[in-house]
Amino acid sequence: GPLGPNWKKELVNSQNRMCAYKLVTV
């Protein structure tokens, strides 16, 4: 941090990255 406008692109070559894929059925 802080996370700037391009923070996701900066994580491309980083090990400190992940995604939570939340499938919500209502």
mmCIF file of all heavy atoms, coordinates in Angstrom:
data_MODEL
# 
_entry.id   MODEL 
# 
loop_
_atom_site.group_PDB 
_atom_site.id 
_atom_site.type_symbol 
_atom_site.label_atom_id 
_atom_site.label_alt_id 
_atom_site.label_comp_id 
_atom_site.label_asym_id 
_atom_site.label_entity_id 
_atom_site.label_seq_id 
_atom_site.pdbx_PDB_ins_code 
_atom_site.Cartn_x 
_atom_site.Cartn_y 
_atom_site.Cartn_z 
_atom_site.occupancy 
_atom_site.B_iso_or_equiv 
_atom_site.pdbx_formal_charge 
_atom_site.auth_seq_id 
_atom_site.auth_comp_id 
_atom_site.auth_asym_id 
_atom_site.auth_atom_id 
_atom_site.pdbx_PDB_model_num 
ATOM 1   N N   . GLY A 1 1  ? 0.826   -1.189  0.000   1.00 0.00 ? 1  GLY A N   1 
ATOM 2   C CA  . GLY A 1 1  ? 0.000   0.000   0.000   1.00 0.00 ? 1  GLY A CA  1 
ATOM 3   C C   . GLY A 1 1  ? 0.864   1.244   0.000   1.00 0.00 ? 1  GLY A C   1 
ATOM 4   O O   . GLY A 1 1  ? 2.071   1.169   0.223   1.00 0.00 ? 1  GLY A O   1 
ATOM 5   N N   . PRO A 1 2  ? 0.232   2.414   -0.199  1.00 0.00 ? 2  PRO A N   1 
ATOM 6   C CA  . PRO A 1 2  ? -1.152  2.577   -0.634  1.00 0.00 ? 2  PRO A CA  1 
ATOM 7   C C   . PRO A 1 2  ? -1.361  1.992   -2.049  1.00 0.00 ? 2  PRO A C   1 
ATOM 8   O O   . PRO A 1 2  ? -0.420  1.907   -2.826  1.00 0.00 ? 2  PRO A O   1 
ATOM 9   C CB  . PRO A 1 2  ? -1.384  4.085   -0.629  1.00 0.00 ? 2  PRO A CB  1 
ATOM 10  C CG  . PRO A 1 2  ? -0.127  4.706   -0.134  1.00 0.00 ? 2  PRO A CG  1 
ATOM 11  C CD  . PRO A 1 2  ? 0.930   3.702   -0.086  1.00 0.00 ? 2  PRO A CD  1 
ATOM 12  N N   . LEU A 1 3  ? -2.593  1.631   -2.350  1.00 0.00 ? 3  LEU A N   1 
ATOM 13  C CA  . LEU A 1 3  ? -2.908  1.040   -3.641  1.00 0.00 ? 3  LEU A CA  1 
ATOM 14  C C   . LEU A 1 3  ? -3.292  2.128   -4.637  1.00 0.00 ? 3  LEU A C   1 
ATOM 15  O O   . LEU A 1 3  ? -4.302  2.808   -4.466  1.00 0.00 ? 3  LEU A O   1 
ATOM 16  C CB  . LEU A 1 3  ? -4.062  0.029   -3.498  1.00 0.00 ? 3  LEU A CB  1 
ATOM 17  C CG  . LEU A 1 3  ? -3.841  -1.110  -2.490  1.00 0.00 ? 3  LEU A CG  1 
ATOM 18  C CD1 . LEU A 1 3  ? -5.011  -2.081  -2.531  1.00 0.00 ? 3  LEU A CD1 1 
ATOM 19  C CD2 . LEU A 1 3  ? -2.516  -1.833  -2.731  1.00 0.00 ? 3  LEU A CD2 1 
ATOM 20  N N   . GLY A 1 4  ? -2.474  2.300   -5.665  1.00 0.00 ? 4  GLY A N   1 
ATOM 21  C CA  . GLY A 1 4  ? -2.726  3.323   -6.674  1.00 0.00 ? 4  GLY A CA  1 
ATOM 22  C C   . GLY A 1 4  ? -3.658  2.829   -7.765  1.00 0.00 ? 4  GLY A C   1 
ATOM 23  O O   . GLY A 1 4  ? -4.147  1.698   -7.732  1.00 0.00 ? 4  GLY A O   1 
ATOM 24  N N   . PRO A 1 5  ? -3.890  3.651   -8.778  1.00 0.00 ? 5  PRO A N   1 
ATOM 25  C CA  . PRO A 1 5  ? -4.827  3.297   -9.860  1.00 0.00 ? 5  PRO A CA  1 
ATOM 26  C C   . PRO A 1 5  ? -4.439  2.029   -10.608 1.00 0.00 ? 5  PRO A C   1 
ATOM 27  O O   . PRO A 1 5  ? -5.304  1.327   -11.134 1.00 0.00 ? 5  PRO A O   1 
ATOM 28  C CB  . PRO A 1 5  ? -4.764  4.523   -10.787 1.00 0.00 ? 5  PRO A CB  1 
ATOM 29  C CG  . PRO A 1 5  ? -4.266  5.636   -9.926  1.00 0.00 ? 5  PRO A CG  1 
ATOM 30  C CD  . PRO A 1 5  ? -3.340  5.002   -8.934  1.00 0.00 ? 5  PRO A CD  1 
ATOM 31  N N   . ASN A 1 6  ? -3.144  1.703   -10.665 1.00 0.00 ? 6  ASN A N   1 
ATOM 32  C CA  . ASN A 1 6  ? -2.683  0.539   -11.417 1.00 0.00 ? 6  ASN A CA  1 
ATOM 33  C C   . ASN A 1 6  ? -2.201  -0.597  -10.513 1.00 0.00 ? 6  ASN A C   1 
ATOM 34  O O   . ASN A 1 6  ? -1.385  -1.430  -10.926 1.00 0.00 ? 6  ASN A O   1 
ATOM 35  C CB  . ASN A 1 6  ? -1.548  0.942   -12.362 1.00 0.00 ? 6  ASN A CB  1 
ATOM 36  C CG  . ASN A 1 6  ? -1.994  1.977   -13.378 1.00 0.00 ? 6  ASN A CG  1 
ATOM 37  O OD1 . ASN A 1 6  ? -3.046  1.842   -13.998 1.00 0.00 ? 6  ASN A OD1 1 
ATOM 38  N ND2 . ASN A 1 6  ? -1.201  3.021   -13.543 1.00 0.00 ? 6  ASN A ND2 1 
ATOM 39  N N   . TRP A 1 7  ? -2.734  -0.650  -9.287  1.00 0.00 ? 7  TRP A N   1 
ATOM 40  C CA  . TRP A 1 7  ? -2.199  -1.604  -8.314  1.00 0.00 ? 7  TRP A CA  1 
ATOM 41  C C   . TRP A 1 7  ? -2.337  -3.060  -8.753  1.00 0.00 ? 7  TRP A C   1 
ATOM 42  O O   . TRP A 1 7  ? -1.461  -3.881  -8.453  1.00 0.00 ? 7  TRP A O   1 
ATOM 43  C CB  . TRP A 1 7  ? -2.844  -1.384  -6.952  1.00 0.00 ? 7  TRP A CB  1 
ATOM 44  C CG  . TRP A 1 7  ? -4.299  -1.780  -6.837  1.00 0.00 ? 7  TRP A CG  1 
ATOM 45  C CD1 . TRP A 1 7  ? -5.382  -1.034  -7.146  1.00 0.00 ? 7  TRP A CD1 1 
ATOM 46  C CD2 . TRP A 1 7  ? -4.802  -3.038  -6.346  1.00 0.00 ? 7  TRP A CD2 1 
ATOM 47  N NE1 . TRP A 1 7  ? -6.550  -1.721  -6.896  1.00 0.00 ? 7  TRP A NE1 1 
ATOM 48  C CE2 . TRP A 1 7  ? -6.214  -2.953  -6.396  1.00 0.00 ? 7  TRP A CE2 1 
ATOM 49  C CE3 . TRP A 1 7  ? -4.221  -4.203  -5.864  1.00 0.00 ? 7  TRP A CE3 1 
ATOM 50  C CZ2 . TRP A 1 7  ? -7.049  -3.996  -5.993  1.00 0.00 ? 7  TRP A CZ2 1 
ATOM 51  C CZ3 . TRP A 1 7  ? -5.042  -5.251  -5.466  1.00 0.00 ? 7  TRP A CZ3 1 
ATOM 52  C CH2 . TRP A 1 7  ? -6.440  -5.142  -5.524  1.00 0.00 ? 7  TRP A CH2 1 
ATOM 53  N N   . LYS A 1 8  ? -3.389  -3.392  -9.480  1.00 0.00 ? 8  LYS A N   1 
ATOM 54  C CA  . LYS A 1 8  ? -3.550  -4.785  -9.917  1.00 0.00 ? 8  LYS A CA  1 
ATOM 55  C C   . LYS A 1 8  ? -2.489  -5.164  -10.954 1.00 0.00 ? 8  LYS A C   1 
ATOM 56  O O   . LYS A 1 8  ? -1.932  -6.263  -10.921 1.00 0.00 ? 8  LYS A O   1 
ATOM 57  C CB  . LYS A 1 8  ? -4.947  -5.002  -10.491 1.00 0.00 ? 8  LYS A CB  1 
ATOM 58  C CG  . LYS A 1 8  ? -6.052  -4.953  -9.447  1.00 0.00 ? 8  LYS A CG  1 
ATOM 59  C CD  . LYS A 1 8  ? -7.400  -5.253  -10.082 1.00 0.00 ? 8  LYS A CD  1 
ATOM 60  C CE  . LYS A 1 8  ? -8.525  -5.137  -9.087  1.00 0.00 ? 8  LYS A CE  1 
ATOM 61  N NZ  . LYS A 1 8  ? -9.847  -5.439  -9.685  1.00 0.00 ? 8  LYS A NZ  1 
ATOM 62  N N   . LYS A 1 9  ? -2.194  -4.246  -11.872 1.00 0.00 ? 9  LYS A N   1 
ATOM 63  C CA  . LYS A 1 9  ? -1.164  -4.515  -12.876 1.00 0.00 ? 9  LYS A CA  1 
ATOM 64  C C   . LYS A 1 9  ? 0.199   -4.697  -12.213 1.00 0.00 ? 9  LYS A C   1 
ATOM 65  O O   . LYS A 1 9  ? 1.030   -5.487  -12.679 1.00 0.00 ? 9  LYS A O   1 
ATOM 66  C CB  . LYS A 1 9  ? -1.102  -3.375  -13.889 1.00 0.00 ? 9  LYS A CB  1 
ATOM 67  C CG  . LYS A 1 9  ? -2.349  -3.257  -14.760 1.00 0.00 ? 9  LYS A CG  1 
ATOM 68  C CD  . LYS A 1 9  ? -2.223  -2.105  -15.751 1.00 0.00 ? 9  LYS A CD  1 
ATOM 69  C CE  . LYS A 1 9  ? -3.470  -1.993  -16.621 1.00 0.00 ? 9  LYS A CE  1 
ATOM 70  N NZ  . LYS A 1 9  ? -3.377  -0.851  -17.565 1.00 0.00 ? 9  LYS A NZ  1 
ATOM 71  N N   . GLU A 1 10 ? 0.425   -3.982  -11.120 1.00 0.00 ? 10 GLU A N   1 
ATOM 72  C CA  . GLU A 1 10 ? 1.700   -4.073  -10.418 1.00 0.00 ? 10 GLU A CA  1 
ATOM 73  C C   . GLU A 1 10 ? 1.869   -5.413  -9.708  1.00 0.00 ? 10 GLU A C   1 
ATOM 74  O O   . GLU A 1 10 ? 2.979   -5.774  -9.294  1.00 0.00 ? 10 GLU A O   1 
ATOM 75  C CB  . GLU A 1 10 ? 1.813   -2.921  -9.408  1.00 0.00 ? 10 GLU A CB  1 
ATOM 76  C CG  . GLU A 1 10 ? 1.895   -1.553  -10.084 1.00 0.00 ? 10 GLU A CG  1 
ATOM 77  C CD  . GLU A 1 10 ? 1.705   -0.398  -9.105  1.00 0.00 ? 10 GLU A CD  1 
ATOM 78  O OE1 . GLU A 1 10 ? 1.512   -0.667  -7.909  1.00 0.00 ? 10 GLU A OE1 1 
ATOM 79  O OE2 . GLU A 1 10 ? 1.749   0.766   -9.546  1.00 0.00 ? 10 GLU A OE2 1 
ATOM 80  N N   . LEU A 1 11 ? 0.778   -6.157  -9.547  1.00 0.00 ? 11 LEU A N   1 
ATOM 81  C CA  . LEU A 1 11 ? 0.835   -7.457  -8.869  1.00 0.00 ? 11 LEU A CA  1 
ATOM 82  C C   . LEU A 1 11 ? 1.102   -8.616  -9.832  1.00 0.00 ? 11 LEU A C   1 
ATOM 83  O O   . LEU A 1 11 ? 1.235   -9.755  -9.388  1.00 0.00 ? 11 LEU A O   1 
ATOM 84  C CB  . LEU A 1 11 ? -0.484  -7.729  -8.132  1.00 0.00 ? 11 LEU A CB  1 
ATOM 85  C CG  . LEU A 1 11 ? -0.810  -6.878  -6.906  1.00 0.00 ? 11 LEU A CG  1 
ATOM 86  C CD1 . LEU A 1 11 ? -2.168  -7.288  -6.337  1.00 0.00 ? 11 LEU A CD1 1 
ATOM 87  C CD2 . LEU A 1 11 ? 0.267   -7.022  -5.829  1.00 0.00 ? 11 LEU A CD2 1 
ATOM 88  N N   . VAL A 1 12 ? 1.183   -8.328  -11.113 1.00 0.00 ? 12 VAL A N   1 
ATOM 89  C CA  . VAL A 1 12 ? 1.322   -9.398  -12.115 1.00 0.00 ? 12 VAL A CA  1 
ATOM 90  C C   . VAL A 1 12 ? 2.500   -10.311 -11.803 1.00 0.00 ? 12 VAL A C   1 
ATOM 91  O O   . VAL A 1 12 ? 2.403   -11.544 -11.910 1.00 0.00 ? 12 VAL A O   1 
ATOM 92  C CB  . VAL A 1 12 ? 1.466   -8.792  -13.533 1.00 0.00 ? 12 VAL A CB  1 
ATOM 93  C CG1 . VAL A 1 12 ? 1.864   -9.877  -14.522 1.00 0.00 ? 12 VAL A CG1 1 
ATOM 94  C CG2 . VAL A 1 12 ? 0.157   -8.147  -13.963 1.00 0.00 ? 12 VAL A CG2 1 
ATOM 95  N N   . ASN A 1 13 ? 3.615   -9.747  -11.398 1.00 0.00 ? 13 ASN A N   1 
ATOM 96  C CA  . ASN A 1 13 ? 4.815   -10.541 -11.120 1.00 0.00 ? 13 ASN A CA  1 
ATOM 97  C C   . ASN A 1 13 ? 5.064   -10.721 -9.622  1.00 0.00 ? 13 ASN A C   1 
ATOM 98  O O   . ASN A 1 13 ? 6.161   -11.095 -9.210  1.00 0.00 ? 13 ASN A O   1 
ATOM 99  C CB  . ASN A 1 13 ? 6.039   -9.884  -11.770 1.00 0.00 ? 13 ASN A CB  1 
ATOM 100 C CG  . ASN A 1 13 ? 5.935   -9.843  -13.282 1.00 0.00 ? 13 ASN A CG  1 
ATOM 101 O OD1 . ASN A 1 13 ? 5.556   -10.832 -13.909 1.00 0.00 ? 13 ASN A OD1 1 
ATOM 102 N ND2 . ASN A 1 13 ? 6.256   -8.698  -13.875 1.00 0.00 ? 13 ASN A ND2 1 
ATOM 103 N N   . SER A 1 14 ? 4.059   -10.485 -8.812  1.00 0.00 ? 14 SER A N   1 
ATOM 104 C CA  . SER A 1 14 ? 4.192   -10.603 -7.360  1.00 0.00 ? 14 SER A CA  1 
ATOM 105 C C   . SER A 1 14 ? 3.563   -11.904 -6.873  1.00 0.00 ? 14 SER A C   1 
ATOM 106 O O   . SER A 1 14 ? 2.591   -12.397 -7.431  1.00 0.00 ? 14 SER A O   1 
ATOM 107 C CB  . SER A 1 14 ? 3.518   -9.410  -6.671  1.00 0.00 ? 14 SER A CB  1 
ATOM 108 O OG  . SER A 1 14 ? 3.479   -9.604  -5.266  1.00 0.00 ? 14 SER A OG  1 
ATOM 109 N N   . GLN A 1 15 ? 4.118   -12.456 -5.798  1.00 0.00 ? 15 GLN A N   1 
ATOM 110 C CA  . GLN A 1 15 ? 3.518   -13.625 -5.159  1.00 0.00 ? 15 GLN A CA  1 
ATOM 111 C C   . GLN A 1 15 ? 2.396   -13.220 -4.216  1.00 0.00 ? 15 GLN A C   1 
ATOM 112 O O   . GLN A 1 15 ? 1.574   -14.053 -3.828  1.00 0.00 ? 15 GLN A O   1 
ATOM 113 C CB  . GLN A 1 15 ? 4.588   -14.410 -4.394  1.00 0.00 ? 15 GLN A CB  1 
ATOM 114 C CG  . GLN A 1 15 ? 5.636   -15.066 -5.288  1.00 0.00 ? 15 GLN A CG  1 
ATOM 115 C CD  . GLN A 1 15 ? 6.607   -15.915 -4.492  1.00 0.00 ? 15 GLN A CD  1 
ATOM 116 O OE1 . GLN A 1 15 ? 6.766   -15.741 -3.284  1.00 0.00 ? 15 GLN A OE1 1 
ATOM 117 N NE2 . GLN A 1 15 ? 7.266   -16.846 -5.173  1.00 0.00 ? 15 GLN A NE2 1 
ATOM 118 N N   . ASN A 1 16 ? 2.375   -11.939 -3.848  1.00 0.00 ? 16 ASN A N   1 
ATOM 119 C CA  . ASN A 1 16 ? 1.363   -11.450 -2.904  1.00 0.00 ? 16 ASN A CA  1 
ATOM 120 C C   . ASN A 1 16 ? 0.107   -11.012 -3.661  1.00 0.00 ? 16 ASN A C   1 
ATOM 121 O O   . ASN A 1 16 ? -0.237  -9.833  -3.741  1.00 0.00 ? 16 ASN A O   1 
ATOM 122 C CB  . ASN A 1 16 ? 1.920   -10.278 -2.087  1.00 0.00 ? 16 ASN A CB  1 
ATOM 123 C CG  . ASN A 1 16 ? 3.127   -10.666 -1.273  1.00 0.00 ? 16 ASN A CG  1 
ATOM 124 O OD1 . ASN A 1 16 ? 3.159   -11.745 -0.689  1.00 0.00 ? 16 ASN A OD1 1 
ATOM 125 N ND2 . ASN A 1 16 ? 4.140   -9.806  -1.246  1.00 0.00 ? 16 ASN A ND2 1 
ATOM 126 N N   . ARG A 1 17 ? -0.579  -11.992 -4.197  1.00 0.00 ? 17 ARG A N   1 
ATOM 127 C CA  . ARG A 1 17 ? -1.793  -11.708 -4.957  1.00 0.00 ? 17 ARG A CA  1 
ATOM 128 C C   . ARG A 1 17 ? -2.747  -12.893 -4.853  1.00 0.00 ? 17 ARG A C   1 
ATOM 129 O O   . ARG A 1 17 ? -2.316  -14.047 -4.741  1.00 0.00 ? 17 ARG A O   1 
ATOM 130 C CB  . ARG A 1 17 ? -1.472  -11.450 -6.433  1.00 0.00 ? 17 ARG A CB  1 
ATOM 131 C CG  . ARG A 1 17 ? -0.811  -12.641 -7.107  1.00 0.00 ? 17 ARG A CG  1 
ATOM 132 C CD  . ARG A 1 17 ? -0.574  -12.398 -8.573  1.00 0.00 ? 17 ARG A CD  1 
ATOM 133 N NE  . ARG A 1 17 ? -0.080  -13.616 -9.227  1.00 0.00 ? 17 ARG A NE  1 
ATOM 134 C CZ  . ARG A 1 17 ? 0.085   -13.744 -10.530 1.00 0.00 ? 17 ARG A CZ  1 
ATOM 135 N NH1 . ARG A 1 17 ? -0.211  -12.741 -11.324 1.00 0.00 ? 17 ARG A NH1 1 
ATOM 136 N NH2 . ARG A 1 17 ? 0.532   -14.874 -11.043 1.00 0.00 ? 17 ARG A NH2 1 
ATOM 137 N N   . MET A 1 18 ? -4.016  -12.610 -4.881  1.00 0.00 ? 18 MET A N   1 
ATOM 138 C CA  . MET A 1 18 ? -5.028  -13.660 -4.839  1.00 0.00 ? 18 MET A CA  1 
ATOM 139 C C   . MET A 1 18 ? -6.375  -13.079 -5.233  1.00 0.00 ? 18 MET A C   1 
ATOM 140 O O   . MET A 1 18 ? -6.550  -11.859 -5.313  1.00 0.00 ? 18 MET A O   1 
ATOM 141 C CB  . MET A 1 18 ? -5.128  -14.269 -3.444  1.00 0.00 ? 18 MET A CB  1 
ATOM 142 C CG  . MET A 1 18 ? -5.589  -13.296 -2.378  1.00 0.00 ? 18 MET A CG  1 
ATOM 143 S SD  . MET A 1 18 ? -6.492  -14.098 -1.046  1.00 0.00 ? 18 MET A SD  1 
ATOM 144 C CE  . MET A 1 18 ? -8.032  -14.521 -1.857  1.00 0.00 ? 18 MET A CE  1 
ATOM 145 N N   . CYS A 1 19 ? -7.307  -13.970 -5.497  1.00 0.00 ? 19 CYS A N   1 
ATOM 146 C CA  . CYS A 1 19 ? -8.662  -13.542 -5.813  1.00 0.00 ? 19 CYS A CA  1 
ATOM 147 C C   . CYS A 1 19 ? -9.654  -14.434 -5.078  1.00 0.00 ? 19 CYS A C   1 
ATOM 148 O O   . CYS A 1 19 ? -9.497  -15.663 -5.065  1.00 0.00 ? 19 CYS A O   1 
ATOM 149 C CB  . CYS A 1 19 ? -8.919  -13.600 -7.319  1.00 0.00 ? 19 CYS A CB  1 
ATOM 150 S SG  . CYS A 1 19 ? -10.588 -13.066 -7.797  1.00 0.00 ? 19 CYS A SG  1 
ATOM 151 N N   . ALA A 1 20 ? -10.655 -13.817 -4.474  1.00 0.00 ? 20 ALA A N   1 
ATOM 152 C CA  . ALA A 1 20 ? -11.778 -14.550 -3.894  1.00 0.00 ? 20 ALA A CA  1 
ATOM 153 C C   . ALA A 1 20 ? -12.899 -14.531 -4.929  1.00 0.00 ? 20 ALA A C   1 
ATOM 154 O O   . ALA A 1 20 ? -13.421 -13.464 -5.273  1.00 0.00 ? 20 ALA A O   1 
ATOM 155 C CB  . ALA A 1 20 ? -12.226 -13.900 -2.595  1.00 0.00 ? 20 ALA A CB  1 
ATOM 156 N N   . TYR A 1 21 ? -13.233 -15.698 -5.447  1.00 0.00 ? 21 TYR A N   1 
ATOM 157 C CA  . TYR A 1 21 ? -14.315 -15.838 -6.424  1.00 0.00 ? 21 TYR A CA  1 
ATOM 158 C C   . TYR A 1 21 ? -15.586 -16.221 -5.665  1.00 0.00 ? 21 TYR A C   1 
ATOM 159 O O   . TYR A 1 21 ? -15.739 -17.376 -5.239  1.00 0.00 ? 21 TYR A O   1 
ATOM 160 C CB  . TYR A 1 21 ? -13.987 -16.941 -7.431  1.00 0.00 ? 21 TYR A CB  1 
ATOM 161 C CG  . TYR A 1 21 ? -12.824 -16.660 -8.352  1.00 0.00 ? 21 TYR A CG  1 
ATOM 162 C CD1 . TYR A 1 21 ? -11.509 -16.892 -7.948  1.00 0.00 ? 21 TYR A CD1 1 
ATOM 163 C CD2 . TYR A 1 21 ? -13.036 -16.199 -9.651  1.00 0.00 ? 21 TYR A CD2 1 
ATOM 164 C CE1 . TYR A 1 21 ? -10.441 -16.661 -8.801  1.00 0.00 ? 21 TYR A CE1 1 
ATOM 165 C CE2 . TYR A 1 21 ? -11.972 -15.973 -10.520 1.00 0.00 ? 21 TYR A CE2 1 
ATOM 166 C CZ  . TYR A 1 21 ? -10.683 -16.201 -10.085 1.00 0.00 ? 21 TYR A CZ  1 
ATOM 167 O OH  . TYR A 1 21 ? -9.626  -15.983 -10.954 1.00 0.00 ? 21 TYR A OH  1 
ATOM 168 N N   . LYS A 1 22 ? -16.482 -15.267 -5.483  1.00 0.00 ? 22 LYS A N   1 
ATOM 169 C CA  . LYS A 1 22 ? -17.669 -15.479 -4.659  1.00 0.00 ? 22 LYS A CA  1 
ATOM 170 C C   . LYS A 1 22 ? -18.907 -15.632 -5.548  1.00 0.00 ? 22 LYS A C   1 
ATOM 171 O O   . LYS A 1 22 ? -19.382 -14.644 -6.115  1.00 0.00 ? 22 LYS A O   1 
ATOM 172 C CB  . LYS A 1 22 ? -17.844 -14.317 -3.680  1.00 0.00 ? 22 LYS A CB  1 
ATOM 173 C CG  . LYS A 1 22 ? -16.744 -14.262 -2.623  1.00 0.00 ? 22 LYS A CG  1 
ATOM 174 C CD  . LYS A 1 22 ? -17.005 -13.201 -1.595  1.00 0.00 ? 22 LYS A CD  1 
ATOM 175 C CE  . LYS A 1 22 ? -16.110 -13.392 -0.379  1.00 0.00 ? 22 LYS A CE  1 
ATOM 176 N NZ  . LYS A 1 22 ? -16.453 -14.593 0.402   1.00 0.00 ? 22 LYS A NZ  1 
ATOM 177 N N   . LEU A 1 23 ? -19.387 -16.850 -5.639  1.00 0.00 ? 23 LEU A N   1 
ATOM 178 C CA  . LEU A 1 23 ? -20.576 -17.147 -6.428  1.00 0.00 ? 23 LEU A CA  1 
ATOM 179 C C   . LEU A 1 23 ? -21.793 -17.055 -5.511  1.00 0.00 ? 23 LEU A C   1 
ATOM 180 O O   . LEU A 1 23 ? -21.942 -17.852 -4.583  1.00 0.00 ? 23 LEU A O   1 
ATOM 181 C CB  . LEU A 1 23 ? -20.479 -18.541 -7.036  1.00 0.00 ? 23 LEU A CB  1 
ATOM 182 C CG  . LEU A 1 23 ? -21.603 -18.922 -8.003  1.00 0.00 ? 23 LEU A CG  1 
ATOM 183 C CD1 . LEU A 1 23 ? -21.452 -18.173 -9.327  1.00 0.00 ? 23 LEU A CD1 1 
ATOM 184 C CD2 . LEU A 1 23 ? -21.600 -20.432 -8.240  1.00 0.00 ? 23 LEU A CD2 1 
ATOM 185 N N   . VAL A 1 24 ? -22.645 -16.071 -5.775  1.00 0.00 ? 24 VAL A N   1 
ATOM 186 C CA  . VAL A 1 24 ? -23.791 -15.810 -4.901  1.00 0.00 ? 24 VAL A CA  1 
ATOM 187 C C   . VAL A 1 24 ? -25.089 -16.117 -5.638  1.00 0.00 ? 24 VAL A C   1 
ATOM 188 O O   . VAL A 1 24 ? -25.383 -15.528 -6.689  1.00 0.00 ? 24 VAL A O   1 
ATOM 189 C CB  . VAL A 1 24 ? -23.806 -14.343 -4.419  1.00 0.00 ? 24 VAL A CB  1 
ATOM 190 C CG1 . VAL A 1 24 ? -24.999 -14.096 -3.496  1.00 0.00 ? 24 VAL A CG1 1 
ATOM 191 C CG2 . VAL A 1 24 ? -22.504 -14.021 -3.690  1.00 0.00 ? 24 VAL A CG2 1 
ATOM 192 N N   . THR A 1 25 ? -25.859 -17.042 -5.075  1.00 0.00 ? 25 THR A N   1 
ATOM 193 C CA  . THR A 1 25 ? -27.164 -17.413 -5.610  1.00 0.00 ? 25 THR A CA  1 
ATOM 194 C C   . THR A 1 25 ? -28.242 -16.920 -4.652  1.00 0.00 ? 25 THR A C   1 
ATOM 195 O O   . THR A 1 25 ? -28.218 -17.271 -3.471  1.00 0.00 ? 25 THR A O   1 
ATOM 196 C CB  . THR A 1 25 ? -27.275 -18.943 -5.769  1.00 0.00 ? 25 THR A CB  1 
ATOM 197 O OG1 . THR A 1 25 ? -26.220 -19.412 -6.596  1.00 0.00 ? 25 THR A OG1 1 
ATOM 198 C CG2 . THR A 1 25 ? -28.617 -19.321 -6.384  1.00 0.00 ? 25 THR A CG2 1 
ATOM 199 N N   . VAL A 1 26 ? -29.156 -16.103 -5.145  1.00 0.00 ? 26 VAL A N   1 
ATOM 200 C CA  . VAL A 1 26 ? -30.231 -15.559 -4.320  1.00 0.00 ? 26 VAL A CA  1 
ATOM 201 C C   . VAL A 1 26 ? -31.565 -16.039 -4.853  1.00 0.00 ? 26 VAL A C   1 
ATOM 202 O O   . VAL A 1 26 ? -31.873 -15.868 -6.036  1.00 0.00 ? 26 VAL A O   1 
ATOM 203 C CB  . VAL A 1 26 ? -30.208 -14.011 -4.299  1.00 0.00 ? 26 VAL A CB  1 
ATOM 204 C CG1 . VAL A 1 26 ? -31.360 -13.467 -3.461  1.00 0.00 ? 26 VAL A CG1 1 
ATOM 205 C CG2 . VAL A 1 26 ? -28.877 -13.511 -3.752  1.00 0.00 ? 26 VAL A CG2 1 
# 
